[in-house]
Protein backbone atom coordinates (compact mmCIF):
# COMPACT_ATOMS: atom_id res chain seq x y z
CA MET A 1 46.53 36.13 2.64
CA THR A 2 42.57 35.76 2.79
CA ALA A 3 41.51 32.22 3.25
CA ARG A 4 39.52 30.66 0.31
CA PRO A 5 35.65 30.29 1.15
CA ARG A 6 34.73 26.72 2.22
CA ILE A 7 32.25 25.17 0.10
CA LEU A 8 29.91 22.36 1.43
CA PHE A 9 28.50 20.53 -1.65
CA PHE A 10 25.33 18.47 -1.31
CA GLY A 11 24.75 16.26 -4.34
CA TYR A 12 23.80 13.41 -6.25
CA SER A 13 23.17 12.15 -9.81
CA GLU A 14 25.30 12.99 -12.85
CA VAL A 15 24.44 16.66 -12.59
CA GLY A 16 26.03 16.63 -9.13
CA TYR A 17 29.15 14.81 -10.47
CA GLU A 18 29.56 17.33 -13.31
CA CYS A 19 29.31 20.35 -11.10
CA LEU A 20 31.59 19.10 -8.35
CA SER A 21 34.16 18.21 -10.84
CA LEU A 22 34.04 21.63 -12.06
CA LEU A 23 34.69 23.07 -8.62
CA LEU A 24 37.47 20.59 -7.84
CA GLY A 25 39.09 21.19 -11.25
CA ARG A 26 39.25 24.87 -10.48
CA GLY A 27 40.82 24.17 -7.06
CA ASP A 28 37.93 25.50 -5.17
CA ASN A 29 37.86 24.81 -1.45
CA VAL A 30 35.34 22.05 -1.06
CA VAL A 31 35.41 20.68 2.55
CA ALA A 32 33.08 17.90 2.08
CA LEU A 33 30.50 16.10 0.08
CA ILE A 34 27.05 14.99 1.65
CA THR A 35 25.47 12.68 -0.66
CA HIS A 36 23.29 9.37 -0.73
CA GLU A 37 24.11 5.79 -0.68
CA ASP A 38 23.12 4.18 -3.98
CA ASN A 39 19.74 2.44 -3.69
CA PRO A 40 20.19 -1.28 -4.50
CA HIS A 41 16.58 -1.29 -6.09
CA GLU A 42 17.48 1.63 -8.33
CA LYS A 43 19.15 1.39 -11.72
CA ILE A 44 22.26 3.54 -11.23
CA TRP A 45 23.05 4.64 -15.05
CA PHE A 46 24.55 7.82 -14.11
CA LYS A 47 27.86 9.11 -12.50
CA THR A 48 27.69 10.05 -9.00
CA PRO A 49 29.73 13.06 -7.20
CA ALA A 50 31.19 10.55 -4.66
CA HIS A 51 33.65 9.40 -7.48
CA ALA A 52 34.70 12.80 -8.02
CA ALA A 53 35.25 13.71 -4.38
CA GLN A 54 37.13 10.26 -3.60
CA GLU A 55 39.54 11.01 -6.44
CA LYS A 56 40.47 14.58 -4.82
CA GLY A 57 40.26 13.21 -1.30
CA VAL A 58 37.37 15.26 -0.41
CA PRO A 59 35.48 13.76 2.73
CA VAL A 60 32.26 12.10 1.74
CA PHE A 61 29.22 11.71 4.15
CA THR A 62 25.91 9.77 3.36
CA PRO A 63 23.71 10.57 6.33
CA GLU A 64 20.00 9.26 6.08
CA LYS A 65 18.93 12.84 7.47
CA VAL A 66 20.76 16.08 7.59
CA ASN A 67 18.17 17.87 9.87
CA THR A 68 18.87 16.08 13.12
CA PRO A 69 20.73 17.71 16.01
CA GLU A 70 23.60 15.57 15.47
CA TRP A 71 24.06 16.41 11.93
CA ARG A 72 23.35 19.99 12.22
CA GLU A 73 26.38 20.11 14.81
CA LYS A 74 28.59 18.28 12.37
CA ILE A 75 27.77 20.49 9.71
CA ALA A 76 28.32 23.53 11.84
CA ALA A 77 31.71 22.08 12.61
CA LEU A 78 32.84 22.18 8.79
CA ARG A 79 32.34 25.95 9.08
CA PRO A 80 30.87 26.19 5.49
CA ASP A 81 30.86 29.86 3.86
CA LEU A 82 28.70 28.61 1.11
CA ILE A 83 26.38 25.77 0.64
CA LEU A 84 25.71 24.38 -2.94
CA SER A 85 23.04 21.69 -3.50
CA VAL A 86 22.87 19.77 -6.83
CA TYR A 87 20.48 17.19 -7.23
CA TYR A 88 20.38 16.35 -3.46
CA ARG A 89 17.23 14.41 -2.74
CA ASN A 90 16.39 15.42 0.75
CA MET A 91 15.13 18.75 2.02
CA ILE A 92 17.91 20.65 3.86
CA GLY A 93 16.20 22.56 6.99
CA ALA A 94 16.30 26.23 7.54
CA THR A 95 18.86 25.70 10.38
CA VAL A 96 21.37 24.30 7.97
CA LEU A 97 20.61 26.82 5.21
CA ALA A 98 21.30 29.75 7.57
CA LEU A 99 24.84 28.45 8.48
CA PRO A 100 26.88 29.84 5.58
CA ARG A 101 27.80 33.51 5.42
CA LEU A 102 27.42 33.48 1.57
CA GLY A 103 24.15 31.74 1.68
CA ALA A 104 22.99 28.25 0.29
CA PHE A 105 22.08 27.87 -3.53
CA ASN A 106 20.69 25.09 -5.53
CA LEU A 107 20.79 23.71 -9.08
CA HIS A 108 17.41 22.60 -10.18
CA GLY A 109 16.42 20.74 -13.33
CA SER A 110 13.69 23.11 -14.74
CA LEU A 111 13.33 26.54 -15.76
CA LEU A 112 11.87 28.13 -12.68
CA PRO A 113 9.27 28.97 -11.33
CA ARG A 114 7.78 26.05 -13.47
CA TYR A 115 8.21 22.42 -12.33
CA ARG A 116 9.28 23.04 -8.93
CA GLY A 117 9.77 19.74 -6.81
CA ARG A 118 11.03 16.15 -7.71
CA ALA A 119 11.72 14.61 -11.25
CA PRO A 120 11.25 17.91 -13.22
CA ILE A 121 12.59 16.45 -16.32
CA ASN A 122 10.30 13.44 -16.48
CA TRP A 123 7.46 15.65 -15.70
CA ALA A 124 8.35 17.99 -18.49
CA VAL A 125 8.54 15.18 -21.11
CA LEU A 126 5.18 13.72 -19.85
CA HIS A 127 3.54 16.94 -20.28
CA GLY A 128 5.00 17.43 -23.91
CA GLU A 129 6.98 20.63 -22.93
CA THR A 130 9.12 21.81 -25.87
CA ARG A 131 11.79 23.46 -23.72
CA ILE A 132 13.52 22.60 -20.32
CA GLY A 133 16.59 23.84 -18.40
CA MET A 134 18.53 24.27 -15.21
CA SER A 135 18.03 27.11 -12.84
CA LEU A 136 20.64 28.15 -10.01
CA HIS A 137 18.52 29.74 -7.14
CA ARG A 138 18.89 30.63 -3.54
CA MET A 139 17.53 28.05 -1.15
CA VAL A 140 14.62 29.04 1.10
CA LYS A 141 12.40 26.90 3.43
CA ALA A 142 9.89 26.15 0.46
CA PRO A 143 11.29 23.80 -2.05
CA ASP A 144 12.67 25.60 -5.29
CA ALA A 145 11.10 28.89 -4.49
CA GLY A 146 14.09 31.21 -3.84
CA ALA A 147 15.20 33.92 -6.04
CA VAL A 148 17.02 32.74 -9.27
CA VAL A 149 20.63 33.72 -9.99
CA ASP A 150 20.93 32.26 -13.46
CA GLN A 151 19.17 29.75 -15.85
CA GLU A 152 19.74 28.28 -19.22
CA GLY A 153 17.29 26.24 -21.41
CA VAL A 154 17.53 23.82 -24.40
CA ASP A 155 14.79 22.75 -26.72
CA LEU A 156 13.14 19.26 -26.60
CA GLY A 157 11.92 17.21 -29.50
CA PRO A 158 8.54 15.56 -29.50
CA ARG A 159 10.03 12.10 -29.48
CA ASP A 160 12.88 12.80 -26.87
CA THR A 161 13.00 10.27 -24.02
CA ALA A 162 13.52 11.69 -20.60
CA GLU A 163 17.19 10.30 -20.53
CA GLN A 164 17.64 12.11 -23.83
CA ALA A 165 16.08 15.26 -22.28
CA PHE A 166 18.62 14.79 -19.35
CA ARG A 167 21.61 14.44 -21.56
CA LYS A 168 20.53 17.73 -23.37
CA VAL A 169 20.04 19.70 -20.21
CA LEU A 170 23.07 18.20 -18.39
CA PRO A 171 25.71 20.63 -19.80
CA CYS A 172 23.29 23.51 -18.89
CA ALA A 173 24.11 22.88 -15.11
CA ARG A 174 27.85 23.14 -15.54
CA ARG A 175 27.70 26.26 -17.72
CA VAL A 176 25.37 28.11 -15.28
CA LEU A 177 27.50 27.08 -12.28
CA GLU A 178 30.77 28.15 -14.09
CA ARG A 179 29.16 31.53 -15.10
CA GLN A 180 28.32 32.31 -11.30
CA ILE A 181 30.68 30.38 -9.01
CA ASP A 182 32.96 33.45 -8.56
CA ALA A 183 30.10 35.68 -7.95
CA LEU A 184 28.76 33.17 -5.31
CA LEU A 185 31.99 32.84 -3.74
CA ALA A 186 32.36 36.85 -3.72
CA GLY A 187 28.86 37.11 -2.39
CA THR A 188 27.90 39.45 -5.39
CA ALA A 189 25.51 37.28 -7.30
CA ARG A 190 22.44 39.05 -8.69
CA GLU A 191 18.99 37.51 -7.63
CA THR A 192 15.63 37.70 -9.18
CA PRO A 193 12.65 36.91 -7.26
CA GLN A 194 10.38 34.29 -8.90
CA ASP A 195 7.00 35.02 -10.19
CA GLU A 196 4.61 33.02 -7.91
CA THR A 197 1.88 33.44 -10.48
CA GLN A 198 3.68 31.27 -12.93
CA ALA A 199 4.87 28.64 -10.40
CA THR A 200 3.96 25.02 -10.80
CA TYR A 201 4.90 22.16 -8.39
CA PHE A 202 5.10 18.38 -9.08
CA GLY A 203 5.97 15.54 -6.51
CA GLY A 204 8.29 12.49 -6.89
CA ARG A 205 7.28 9.86 -9.22
CA LYS A 206 6.77 6.26 -8.02
CA PRO A 207 6.84 3.08 -10.29
CA GLU A 208 2.99 2.86 -10.11
CA ASP A 209 2.66 6.03 -11.66
CA GLY A 210 3.68 4.40 -14.99
CA ARG A 211 0.28 2.82 -15.37
CA ILE A 212 -1.07 3.61 -18.66
CA ALA A 213 -4.65 4.79 -18.92
CA TRP A 214 -5.98 3.83 -22.28
CA THR A 215 -8.79 6.31 -22.03
CA GLN A 216 -6.03 9.20 -22.54
CA THR A 217 -5.21 10.14 -26.06
CA SER A 218 -2.49 8.61 -28.01
CA ALA A 219 -0.23 11.74 -27.54
CA GLN A 220 -0.74 11.53 -23.81
CA ILE A 221 -0.04 7.93 -23.48
CA PHE A 222 2.98 8.34 -25.81
CA ASN A 223 4.46 11.12 -23.78
CA LEU A 224 4.15 8.92 -20.53
CA ILE A 225 5.92 5.98 -22.24
CA ARG A 226 8.88 8.42 -23.25
CA ALA A 227 8.94 9.93 -20.05
CA VAL A 228 9.51 6.82 -18.04
CA THR A 229 11.10 4.34 -20.57
CA ASP A 230 14.44 2.67 -19.75
CA PRO A 231 16.49 3.50 -17.63
CA TYR A 232 13.34 4.68 -15.66
CA PRO A 233 10.83 2.10 -14.32
CA GLY A 234 8.65 2.15 -17.49
CA ALA A 235 5.05 2.20 -18.51
CA PHE A 236 2.83 -0.56 -18.00
CA THR A 237 -0.57 -2.23 -18.53
CA ASP A 238 -2.08 -5.24 -16.98
CA LEU A 239 -3.79 -8.40 -18.20
CA GLY A 240 -4.92 -10.75 -15.64
CA THR A 241 -1.98 -11.44 -13.28
CA SER A 242 0.38 -10.43 -16.15
CA ARG A 243 2.06 -7.03 -16.51
CA LEU A 244 3.01 -5.79 -19.92
CA MET A 245 5.96 -3.33 -19.87
CA VAL A 246 5.68 -0.90 -22.65
CA TRP A 247 9.11 0.53 -23.55
CA TRP A 248 8.20 2.08 -26.78
CA ALA A 249 5.16 2.70 -29.05
CA GLU A 250 4.26 4.40 -32.46
CA PRO A 251 0.95 5.80 -33.66
CA ALA A 252 -1.19 3.30 -35.58
CA ALA A 253 -2.59 5.27 -38.46
CA GLY A 254 -6.32 4.57 -39.20
CA LYS A 255 -7.01 2.44 -36.21
CA SER A 256 -9.65 3.24 -33.46
CA GLY A 257 -11.78 1.19 -31.10
CA LYS A 258 -12.89 1.19 -27.27
CA PRO A 259 -10.01 2.45 -25.19
CA GLY A 260 -7.94 -0.53 -24.13
CA GLU A 261 -9.24 -2.82 -26.97
CA ILE A 262 -6.53 -5.15 -28.70
CA LEU A 263 -7.09 -4.41 -32.25
CA SER A 264 -4.14 -6.50 -33.47
CA VAL A 265 -1.82 -9.05 -31.91
CA THR A 266 0.92 -9.06 -34.55
CA PRO A 267 1.74 -6.34 -34.53
CA LEU A 268 0.16 -5.49 -30.98
CA ILE A 269 -1.99 -2.56 -31.46
CA VAL A 270 -4.17 -1.08 -28.63
CA ALA A 271 -6.89 1.43 -29.16
CA THR A 272 -6.59 4.85 -27.12
CA ALA A 273 -9.31 7.58 -26.66
CA ASP A 274 -8.65 8.99 -30.12
CA GLY A 275 -6.94 6.40 -31.93
CA ALA A 276 -4.56 3.64 -31.44
CA LEU A 277 -0.82 2.79 -30.52
CA GLU A 278 1.40 -0.03 -32.01
CA LEU A 279 3.32 -1.26 -28.98
CA THR A 280 6.68 -1.99 -30.71
CA ARG A 281 8.94 -2.74 -27.76
CA THR A 282 7.46 -4.57 -25.01
CA GLU A 283 8.24 -7.00 -21.91
CA TRP A 284 5.87 -9.52 -20.02
CA ARG A 285 6.14 -9.86 -16.41
CA GLY A 286 4.28 -11.94 -14.04
CA THR A 287 2.88 -15.56 -13.95
CA GLY A 288 -0.62 -15.32 -15.70
CA THR A 289 -1.43 -15.92 -19.39
CA THR A 290 -0.09 -13.66 -22.09
CA ALA A 291 -2.14 -15.06 -24.70
CA LEU A 292 -3.81 -12.20 -26.60
CA LYS A 293 -7.02 -12.02 -28.69
CA VAL A 294 -8.22 -9.49 -30.96
CA GLY A 295 -11.03 -7.71 -29.14
CA GLN A 296 -9.74 -8.38 -25.78
CA MET A 297 -9.55 -5.54 -23.40
CA ILE A 298 -6.20 -4.96 -21.62
CA GLY A 299 -5.51 -2.38 -18.66
CA GLU A 300 -8.99 -2.98 -16.89
């Protein structure tokens, strides 16, 4: 009897949870999960694959780095036939990628070759994209640059937040993997090279990237707000030593002024490059004054 291929699963986030659950539900031979410790400074609003692995008795490892000699040796000892990476946050080196005879494949949250890199869904919302998706591709040295096996997209609405976009695209990952897992395990998956002329790349986002530039248009600022609103770190603007978190906003029709000028206190309306936004859900942080006056500048 032919032994079932040994799958080594690298993953995190709810996408990782869904895809690992699919494999375990099928009875695939997952020999281990390599994942991350939850960051105590990060809001964990999603399921993680560790829960799925522990329920089925799959060994779980959380190395800080997998490209050390020690971990390369440990991974080699697992004798993986196939590596699957699903929202694993660290780069996996070429030595590890070369270990499995059936190759190494990754599920990425964009319609490649666009939005390679980190936080693709947040970046897509920030840029006002109307369609996003999931792509299954071969892993190579360069991030998200390998040939595509399959992908599936969904439409985004102009008011969708990043979390809503994530919820829309999440089922795509499971469907793509379900369509292709048998071909991956048989070594017969068809691959299409990416068009490098269409490739875009974006790096990871930090909380500081949520700072609002009032010199941008109302649409640009609104897209930033919905791209980083809760459960993400949020958009913000400063007034003295106080910070105003902006969790939601709406266009303020017929209002305009110098970008950053407070046009109204109740409701709070701030001028942008081409109009104004009413800040409808906010939170003050910091120790300075929060007293606002019409005509006062914010975010300088």
